[in-house]
Amino acid sequence: MLTGQQIDRAAENLKGLIRHTELIHSSYYSQVLNTPVYFKCENLQHTGAFKIRGAYNFLCQQPPELLAAGVVTASAGNHAQGLASAAALLECPCKVVMPEGTPLAKELATQEYGAEVVFFGSTYDEAVTHATRLAEEQNLLYVSAFDHELIMAGQGTIGLELLQDLPEIDNLLVPIGGGGLIAGVASAIKLKKPSVKIIGVEAACVASATLARRNGRPTHVSTRCHSLADGIAVKQIGELTFPIIEKYVDDIVTVDEEAIAMAIVSLMEKSKLVVEGAGAVGLAALLHSRKTLHKGHTVCLLSGGNLDVQTMSRVVERGMLAEGRYLKLRLEMIDMPGALAQLANILSELKANIFQVSHDRHKSSLPLGEAEVVLDLETRGPSHIEDVLMRLEDEGYRPEVIR
């Protein structure tokens, strides 16, 4: 079982190498939720996520001869960059196995830290299998993304920083993937201040911690799902992290994809913070969970901010759609001069802002003399959307909402 001494040692190992990340009080969310709300900004950490803490703590305690041969891991994102950066600091070769289809931005970021990237398989689990095979065949040291005490101890240093910066902390919301982050942070905090309530948050479509707690053991999630919180979309929680979570984590909640998207957009707009899906699940739970999670001084751990530009545009669109601030419509209209201007005037009267419009008169399914128009609109909420749809119907259009 992970000990406080291991976490304290990790803090010494990491001193001067990692960023003691900011704890930011949010006036906006404190007012909305009627309780003091803070963000622990690991999205501002070196490499853009907390992972470098555990990776460096693990590597720096290995025999030099093992490091000289090189290290290998499997990851599609933050662990890859964290390990690559840590390996560069210790001047040891690093190889990362990524699943096929990993975004180019993540591949390039990992290579920029000096790692060799190998692609294998279509899933994280397949990449792990190949990485462990490479470790045996090439005499490399395999580094787990989460299921090792030294990895957990490194992540636990976040808990020490929280207790130092906010001794009056009452609640902490932490993302759960494989469990290394929450196991380390929960241990650090509960060993020094047991009264703090630790709440784990995971994506509803890959709720491996919830399933493990229900079954009393780590259990593989069989459903196929692509989550905005890909950093925590782990099919099975760790064998070593699970008993620690059972001992120290008070509650586990899940959030759906719409809530995650809205939290990402909200953090950008209200706090000027770029946070990836996995890092935003804590705020998503605060804002959209059916449970009351925010009694007293409440901290959301923003675990990472590695949100590539393409994903960001899709997330923003999805978040605005979920909030009723974005509407995509398809409709047919008479193909004659002034018809499109008339439609634009109606939307202007309704104060619906046109982001984009496409006009097609050549579609074979259209009646002769008609054109199809697809509109991307900025709206002000669900009631505004209803007003737009009703007015268009009153004007003789047959609007179809595109999801």
Protein backbone atom coordinates (compact mmCIF):
# COMPACT_ATOMS: atom_id res chain seq x y z
CA MET A 1 0.00 0.00 0.00
CA LEU A 2 1.21 3.48 -0.85
CA THR A 3 2.71 5.34 2.13
CA GLY A 4 3.05 8.96 3.15
CA GLN A 5 6.83 8.50 3.26
CA GLN A 6 6.84 7.54 -0.43
CA ILE A 7 4.88 10.68 -1.31
CA ASP A 8 7.15 12.90 0.79
CA ARG A 9 10.18 11.37 -0.94
CA ALA A 10 8.58 12.02 -4.31
CA ALA A 11 8.17 15.68 -3.36
CA GLU A 12 11.91 15.86 -2.64
CA ASN A 13 12.74 14.13 -5.92
CA LEU A 14 10.58 16.57 -7.89
CA LYS A 15 11.71 19.75 -6.14
CA GLY A 16 12.87 22.30 -8.69
CA LEU A 17 11.92 20.09 -11.65
CA ILE A 18 8.15 20.44 -11.81
CA ARG A 19 5.87 23.42 -11.42
CA HIS A 20 4.08 23.95 -8.11
CA THR A 21 0.91 24.69 -10.05
CA GLU A 22 -1.40 27.54 -9.20
CA LEU A 23 -4.50 27.14 -7.07
CA ILE A 24 -6.93 29.69 -8.50
CA HIS A 25 -10.04 30.89 -6.69
CA SER A 26 -12.96 31.32 -9.09
CA SER A 27 -15.25 34.18 -8.17
CA TYR A 28 -17.64 33.25 -10.97
CA TYR A 29 -18.16 29.58 -10.06
CA SER A 30 -18.14 30.40 -6.35
CA GLN A 31 -21.10 32.70 -6.98
CA VAL A 32 -22.89 30.21 -9.26
CA LEU A 33 -22.49 27.32 -6.80
CA ASN A 34 -22.77 29.43 -3.64
CA THR A 35 -19.59 27.99 -2.11
CA PRO A 36 -15.86 28.75 -2.47
CA VAL A 37 -14.58 27.03 -5.63
CA TYR A 38 -10.93 26.65 -6.63
CA PHE A 39 -9.03 25.15 -9.55
CA LYS A 40 -5.76 23.25 -9.12
CA CYS A 41 -4.21 23.99 -12.50
CA GLU A 42 -2.19 20.99 -13.59
CA ASN A 43 -3.13 22.05 -17.11
CA LEU A 44 -0.33 24.59 -16.59
CA GLN A 45 2.21 21.92 -15.59
CA HIS A 46 5.29 21.14 -17.70
CA THR A 47 4.14 19.03 -20.69
CA GLY A 48 0.59 20.31 -20.07
CA ALA A 49 -0.47 17.67 -17.53
CA PHE A 50 0.31 16.08 -14.17
CA LYS A 51 1.90 12.95 -15.65
CA ILE A 52 5.49 14.15 -15.46
CA ARG A 53 5.29 13.96 -11.65
CA GLY A 54 4.80 10.20 -11.51
CA ALA A 55 7.00 9.45 -14.50
CA TYR A 56 10.03 11.30 -13.15
CA ASN A 57 9.57 9.94 -9.63
CA PHE A 58 9.50 6.40 -11.03
CA LEU A 59 12.53 6.82 -13.29
CA CYS A 60 14.77 8.62 -10.82
CA GLN A 61 14.49 5.69 -8.38
CA GLN A 62 15.54 3.03 -10.90
CA PRO A 63 19.06 1.55 -11.15
CA PRO A 64 21.20 3.46 -13.69
CA GLU A 65 21.86 0.30 -15.71
CA LEU A 66 18.13 -0.16 -16.32
CA LEU A 67 17.74 3.41 -17.50
CA ALA A 68 20.75 3.10 -19.78
CA ALA A 69 19.02 0.32 -21.71
CA GLY A 70 15.98 2.54 -22.22
CA VAL A 71 12.32 2.70 -21.18
CA VAL A 72 9.09 1.93 -22.99
CA THR A 73 5.41 2.62 -22.36
CA ALA A 74 2.05 2.72 -24.08
CA SER A 75 0.06 5.93 -24.24
CA ALA A 76 -2.00 8.04 -26.61
CA GLY A 77 -1.35 11.32 -24.85
CA ASN A 78 -0.24 12.82 -21.57
CA HIS A 79 1.67 9.86 -20.12
CA ALA A 80 3.65 9.65 -23.35
CA GLN A 81 4.73 13.27 -23.07
CA GLY A 82 5.34 13.07 -19.33
CA LEU A 83 7.56 10.00 -19.63
CA ALA A 84 9.40 11.38 -22.67
CA SER A 85 10.15 14.59 -20.79
CA ALA A 86 11.26 12.75 -17.65
CA ALA A 87 13.48 10.43 -19.70
CA ALA A 88 15.08 13.42 -21.39
CA LEU A 89 15.87 14.94 -18.00
CA LEU A 90 17.59 11.70 -16.97
CA GLU A 91 19.18 11.22 -20.41
CA CYS A 92 17.76 7.76 -21.04
CA PRO A 93 16.28 6.45 -24.31
CA CYS A 94 12.48 6.38 -24.44
CA LYS A 95 10.08 4.51 -26.71
CA VAL A 96 6.31 5.09 -26.73
CA VAL A 97 3.75 2.79 -28.33
CA MET A 98 0.66 4.65 -29.53
CA PRO A 99 -2.53 3.19 -31.03
CA GLU A 100 -3.06 3.73 -34.74
CA GLY A 101 -5.13 6.85 -35.30
CA THR A 102 -3.57 8.85 -32.48
CA PRO A 103 -3.82 12.57 -33.39
CA LEU A 104 -0.73 13.92 -35.14
CA ALA A 105 -0.38 16.69 -32.55
CA LYS A 106 0.16 14.12 -29.77
CA GLU A 107 2.67 12.17 -31.84
CA LEU A 108 4.70 15.29 -32.64
CA ALA A 109 4.59 16.57 -29.05
CA THR A 110 5.98 13.24 -27.78
CA GLN A 111 8.72 13.23 -30.41
CA GLU A 112 9.68 16.80 -29.50
CA TYR A 113 10.62 15.56 -26.02
CA GLY A 114 13.00 13.09 -27.65
CA ALA A 115 11.00 9.86 -27.62
CA GLU A 116 10.69 7.34 -30.43
CA VAL A 117 7.05 6.73 -31.35
CA VAL A 118 5.84 3.31 -32.50
CA PHE A 119 2.28 2.73 -33.69
CA PHE A 120 0.49 -0.52 -32.93
CA GLY A 121 -3.11 -1.66 -32.61
CA SER A 122 -6.36 0.25 -32.66
CA THR A 123 -6.83 0.56 -28.88
CA TYR A 124 -4.83 1.50 -25.80
CA ASP A 125 -5.00 -2.10 -24.54
CA GLU A 126 -3.45 -3.40 -27.76
CA ALA A 127 -0.71 -0.79 -27.50
CA VAL A 128 0.02 -1.90 -23.92
CA THR A 129 0.35 -5.52 -25.03
CA HIS A 130 2.84 -4.55 -27.72
CA ALA A 131 4.81 -2.28 -25.35
CA THR A 132 5.23 -5.07 -22.78
CA ARG A 133 6.35 -7.39 -25.59
CA LEU A 134 8.96 -4.85 -26.71
CA ALA A 135 10.15 -4.53 -23.11
CA GLU A 136 10.89 -8.27 -22.99
CA GLU A 137 12.36 -8.54 -26.48
CA GLN A 138 14.57 -5.44 -26.31
CA ASN A 139 15.42 -5.51 -22.59
CA LEU A 140 13.64 -2.21 -21.94
CA LEU A 141 12.11 -1.03 -18.68
CA TYR A 142 8.32 -0.89 -18.97
CA VAL A 143 6.72 2.10 -17.25
CA SER A 144 3.06 1.80 -16.31
CA ALA A 145 0.83 4.79 -16.90
CA PHE A 146 -0.74 4.47 -13.45
CA ASP A 147 -0.45 1.08 -11.73
CA HIS A 148 2.76 1.43 -9.69
CA GLU A 149 3.38 2.88 -6.23
CA LEU A 150 6.15 5.21 -7.42
CA ILE A 151 3.89 6.57 -10.14
CA MET A 152 1.10 7.12 -7.60
CA ALA A 153 3.53 8.74 -5.14
CA GLY A 154 4.59 11.26 -7.76
CA GLN A 155 0.99 12.17 -8.52
CA GLY A 156 0.35 12.39 -4.78
CA THR A 157 2.59 15.46 -4.54
CA ILE A 158 -0.38 17.41 -5.91
CA GLY A 159 -2.18 16.60 -2.67
CA LEU A 160 0.71 17.98 -0.61
CA GLU A 161 0.59 21.23 -2.59
CA LEU A 162 -3.15 21.50 -2.04
CA LEU A 163 -2.83 21.11 1.73
CA GLN A 164 -0.08 23.72 1.73
CA ASP A 165 -2.02 26.24 -0.38
CA LEU A 166 -5.51 25.64 1.03
CA PRO A 167 -5.37 24.09 4.53
CA GLU A 168 -9.14 24.63 4.90
CA ILE A 169 -9.98 22.42 1.90
CA ASP A 170 -13.23 20.46 2.40
CA ASN A 171 -13.87 18.74 -0.96
CA LEU A 172 -11.69 17.67 -3.86
CA LEU A 173 -12.91 16.42 -7.24
CA VAL A 174 -10.38 14.32 -9.14
CA PRO A 175 -10.62 12.65 -12.57
CA ILE A 176 -10.37 8.84 -12.62
CA GLY A 177 -8.88 6.87 -15.47
CA GLY A 178 -6.59 4.04 -14.41
CA GLY A 179 -6.63 5.47 -10.89
CA GLY A 180 -3.02 6.54 -10.39
CA LEU A 181 -3.83 10.22 -9.96
CA ILE A 182 -6.68 9.86 -7.51
CA ALA A 183 -4.95 7.08 -5.55
CA GLY A 184 -1.88 9.23 -5.03
CA VAL A 185 -3.69 12.49 -4.27
CA ALA A 186 -6.26 10.84 -1.99
CA SER A 187 -3.51 9.10 -0.02
CA ALA A 188 -1.54 12.31 0.43
CA ILE A 189 -4.56 14.23 1.67
CA LYS A 190 -6.35 11.59 3.75
CA LEU A 191 -3.17 10.67 5.64
CA LYS A 192 -2.81 14.28 6.80
CA LYS A 193 -6.43 15.53 6.83
CA PRO A 194 -8.96 12.66 6.86
CA SER A 195 -11.96 15.02 6.95
CA VAL A 196 -11.47 16.08 3.32
CA LYS A 197 -14.07 14.49 1.04
CA ILE A 198 -12.46 12.96 -2.07
CA ILE A 199 -14.78 12.57 -5.06
CA GLY A 200 -13.69 10.71 -8.17
CA VAL A 201 -15.18 11.68 -11.54
CA GLU A 202 -15.18 9.57 -14.69
CA ALA A 203 -16.75 9.60 -18.12
CA ALA A 204 -20.11 7.80 -18.05
CA CYS A 205 -19.36 5.74 -21.16
CA VAL A 206 -16.12 4.28 -19.70
CA ALA A 207 -16.96 4.07 -16.00
CA SER A 208 -14.41 1.44 -14.97
CA ALA A 209 -14.02 2.69 -11.38
CA THR A 210 -17.77 2.66 -10.82
CA LEU A 211 -17.94 -0.88 -12.21
CA ALA A 212 -15.01 -2.01 -10.07
CA ARG A 213 -16.57 -0.59 -6.91
CA ARG A 214 -19.85 -2.32 -7.73
CA ASN A 215 -18.15 -5.69 -8.35
CA GLY A 216 -15.57 -5.42 -5.59
CA ARG A 217 -12.67 -5.88 -8.02
CA PRO A 218 -11.21 -4.31 -11.18
CA THR A 219 -13.47 -5.28 -14.08
CA HIS A 220 -13.02 -4.72 -17.80
CA VAL A 221 -15.57 -2.37 -19.39
CA SER A 222 -16.77 -4.09 -22.54
CA THR A 223 -18.68 -1.24 -24.20
CA ARG A 224 -17.07 0.61 -27.11
CA CYS A 225 -17.09 4.37 -26.71
CA HIS A 226 -15.11 7.40 -27.81
CA SER A 227 -15.11 10.04 -25.10
CA LEU A 228 -14.11 13.70 -25.10
CA ALA A 229 -12.29 12.72 -21.91
CA ASP A 230 -9.99 10.34 -23.78
CA GLY A 231 -7.27 10.77 -21.17
CA ILE A 232 -9.38 8.88 -18.61
CA ALA A 233 -11.17 6.50 -20.98
CA VAL A 234 -9.45 3.47 -19.45
CA LYS A 235 -11.27 0.15 -19.79
CA GLN A 236 -10.07 -1.29 -16.46
CA ILE A 237 -8.87 0.41 -13.32
CA GLY A 238 -5.48 -0.66 -11.91
CA GLU A 239 -5.00 -3.66 -9.67
CA LEU A 240 -2.86 -1.58 -7.29
CA THR A 241 -4.86 1.63 -7.50
CA PHE A 242 -8.22 -0.04 -6.79
CA PRO A 243 -7.72 -0.91 -3.08
CA ILE A 244 -6.39 2.59 -2.39
CA ILE A 245 -9.42 4.11 -4.07
CA GLU A 246 -11.69 1.86 -2.04
CA LYS A 247 -9.97 2.99 1.15
CA TYR A 248 -9.73 6.73 0.58
CA VAL A 249 -12.20 7.86 -2.10
CA ASP A 250 -15.55 8.81 -0.58
CA ASP A 251 -17.65 8.89 -3.73
CA ILE A 252 -17.43 8.27 -7.47
CA VAL A 253 -19.69 10.06 -9.95
CA THR A 254 -19.99 9.99 -13.72
CA VAL A 255 -20.59 12.74 -16.26
CA ASP A 256 -21.90 12.50 -19.82
CA GLU A 257 -20.30 13.88 -22.96
CA GLU A 258 -22.50 16.99 -23.16
CA ALA A 259 -21.58 17.96 -19.60
CA ILE A 260 -17.87 17.53 -20.40
CA ALA A 261 -18.15 19.66 -23.54
CA MET A 262 -20.02 22.41 -21.69
CA ALA A 263 -17.42 22.41 -18.91
CA ILE A 264 -14.55 22.81 -21.40
CA VAL A 265 -16.30 25.74 -23.10
CA SER A 266 -17.24 27.29 -19.77
CA LEU A 267 -13.64 27.13 -18.49
CA MET A 268 -12.45 28.88 -21.64
CA GLU A 269 -15.06 31.62 -21.41
CA LYS A 270 -15.30 32.21 -17.68
CA SER A 271 -11.79 31.37 -16.45
CA LYS A 272 -9.66 31.76 -19.60
CA LEU A 273 -8.29 28.26 -19.04
CA VAL A 274 -7.74 25.69 -21.80
CA VAL A 275 -8.51 22.29 -20.28
CA GLU A 276 -8.83 18.93 -22.02
CA GLY A 277 -11.87 16.70 -21.52
CA ALA A 278 -10.30 14.54 -18.80
CA GLY A 279 -9.31 17.64 -16.87
CA ALA A 280 -12.75 19.24 -17.10
CA VAL A 281 -14.80 16.36 -15.65
CA GLY A 282 -14.61 17.73 -12.11
CA LEU A 283 -16.26 21.00 -13.07
CA ALA A 284 -18.74 19.06 -15.23
CA ALA A 285 -19.74 17.11 -12.13
CA LEU A 286 -20.09 20.25 -10.02
CA LEU A 287 -22.32 21.92 -12.59
CA HIS A 288 -24.38 18.98 -13.84
CA SER A 289 -24.35 16.11 -11.32
CA ARG A 290 -27.60 15.25 -9.58
CA LYS A 291 -25.64 15.02 -6.32
CA THR A 292 -24.63 18.03 -4.24
CA LEU A 293 -20.84 17.88 -4.28
CA HIS A 294 -19.82 21.36 -3.15
CA LYS A 295 -20.29 21.95 0.56
CA GLY A 296 -17.42 24.09 1.84
CA HIS A 297 -14.12 24.92 0.17
CA THR A 298 -14.19 22.86 -3.01
CA VAL A 299 -11.32 22.20 -5.41
CA CYS A 300 -11.51 20.84 -8.96
CA LEU A 301 -8.28 19.27 -10.11
CA LEU A 302 -7.76 20.31 -13.73
CA SER A 303 -5.47 17.43 -14.63
CA GLY A 304 -4.38 18.51 -18.11
CA GLY A 305 -4.69 21.04 -20.89
CA ASN A 306 -3.47 19.20 -23.98
CA LEU A 307 -6.40 19.98 -26.24
CA ASP A 308 -5.36 20.02 -29.89
CA VAL A 309 -6.83 22.65 -32.19
CA GLN A 310 -9.01 20.29 -34.24
CA THR A 311 -10.50 18.69 -31.14
CA MET A 312 -11.01 22.11 -29.60
CA SER A 313 -13.16 23.30 -32.51
CA ARG A 314 -15.35 20.18 -32.31
CA VAL A 315 -15.67 20.46 -28.54
CA VAL A 316 -16.61 24.13 -28.67
CA GLU A 317 -19.30 23.37 -31.25
CA ARG A 318 -20.63 20.48 -29.16
CA GLY A 319 -20.58 22.51 -25.96
CA MET A 320 -22.42 25.41 -27.56
CA LEU A 321 -24.94 22.98 -29.05
CA ALA A 322 -25.57 21.43 -25.62
CA GLU A 323 -26.12 24.88 -24.11
CA GLY A 324 -28.53 25.92 -26.86
CA ARG A 325 -26.09 28.50 -28.21
CA TYR A 326 -25.55 26.84 -31.57
CA LEU A 327 -28.10 25.65 -34.11
CA LYS A 328 -27.57 23.93 -37.43
CA LEU A 329 -30.56 23.86 -39.77
CA ARG A 330 -31.43 22.45 -43.15
CA LEU A 331 -34.41 23.79 -45.12
CA GLU A 332 -35.70 24.14 -48.66
CA MET A 333 -36.76 27.40 -50.26
CA ILE A 334 -37.81 28.81 -53.64
CA ASP A 335 -34.82 29.35 -55.91
CA MET A 336 -35.38 32.93 -56.99
CA PRO A 337 -33.61 36.30 -56.56
CA GLY A 338 -34.09 37.75 -53.08
CA ALA A 339 -35.23 34.50 -51.43
CA LEU A 340 -32.01 34.05 -49.47
CA ALA A 341 -32.00 37.71 -48.44
CA GLN A 342 -35.58 37.33 -47.17
CA LEU A 343 -34.53 34.37 -45.03
CA ALA A 344 -31.55 36.33 -43.70
CA ASN A 345 -33.84 39.25 -42.77
CA ILE A 346 -36.11 36.94 -40.77
CA LEU A 347 -33.12 35.58 -38.85
CA SER A 348 -31.84 39.11 -38.30
CA GLU A 349 -35.19 40.13 -36.78
CA LEU A 350 -34.89 37.15 -34.45
CA LYS A 351 -31.32 38.21 -33.55
CA ALA A 352 -29.90 34.85 -34.63
CA ASN A 353 -26.34 35.35 -35.86
CA ILE A 354 -25.40 33.48 -39.04
CA PHE A 355 -22.02 31.73 -38.68
CA GLN A 356 -22.14 30.02 -42.05
CA VAL A 357 -24.57 29.41 -44.90
CA SER A 358 -24.41 26.99 -47.84
CA HIS A 359 -26.80 27.10 -50.81
CA ASP A 360 -27.31 24.13 -53.17
CA ARG A 361 -29.70 24.24 -56.13
CA HIS A 362 -28.29 21.18 -57.93
CA LYS A 363 -29.20 18.43 -55.48
CA SER A 364 -31.07 15.71 -57.42
CA SER A 365 -33.67 15.13 -54.70
CA LEU A 366 -34.86 18.76 -54.77
CA PRO A 367 -38.10 19.69 -56.55
CA LEU A 368 -37.58 21.79 -59.66
CA GLY A 369 -37.27 25.46 -58.80
CA GLU A 370 -36.16 24.94 -55.18
CA ALA A 371 -32.80 25.11 -53.40
CA GLU A 372 -31.45 23.62 -50.18
CA VAL A 373 -29.96 25.89 -47.57
CA VAL A 374 -27.87 24.77 -44.59
CA LEU A 375 -27.39 27.35 -41.84
CA ASP A 376 -25.07 27.48 -38.84
CA LEU A 377 -26.55 29.91 -36.32
CA GLU A 378 -25.44 31.37 -33.01
CA THR A 379 -28.37 31.43 -30.60
CA ARG A 380 -28.93 32.56 -27.02
CA GLY A 381 -30.38 29.42 -25.45
CA PRO A 382 -33.06 26.74 -25.82
CA SER A 383 -35.98 29.21 -25.72
CA HIS A 384 -34.37 31.31 -28.46
CA ILE A 385 -34.00 28.17 -30.60
CA GLU A 386 -37.71 27.45 -30.16
CA ASP A 387 -38.52 31.01 -31.24
CA VAL A 388 -36.39 30.61 -34.38
CA LEU A 389 -37.97 27.28 -35.34
CA MET A 390 -41.54 28.50 -34.74
CA ARG A 391 -41.02 31.71 -36.74
CA LEU A 392 -39.51 29.83 -39.68
CA GLU A 393 -42.44 27.42 -39.69
CA ASP A 394 -44.88 30.35 -39.55
CA GLU A 395 -43.11 31.81 -42.60
CA GLY A 396 -43.71 28.60 -44.55
CA TYR A 397 -40.30 26.96 -44.18
CA ARG A 398 -39.84 23.39 -42.98
CA PRO A 399 -36.64 23.61 -40.88
CA GLU A 400 -34.83 20.39 -40.01
CA VAL A 401 -32.42 20.51 -37.06
CA ILE A 402 -29.07 18.83 -37.82
CA ARG A 403 -27.58 17.13 -34.77
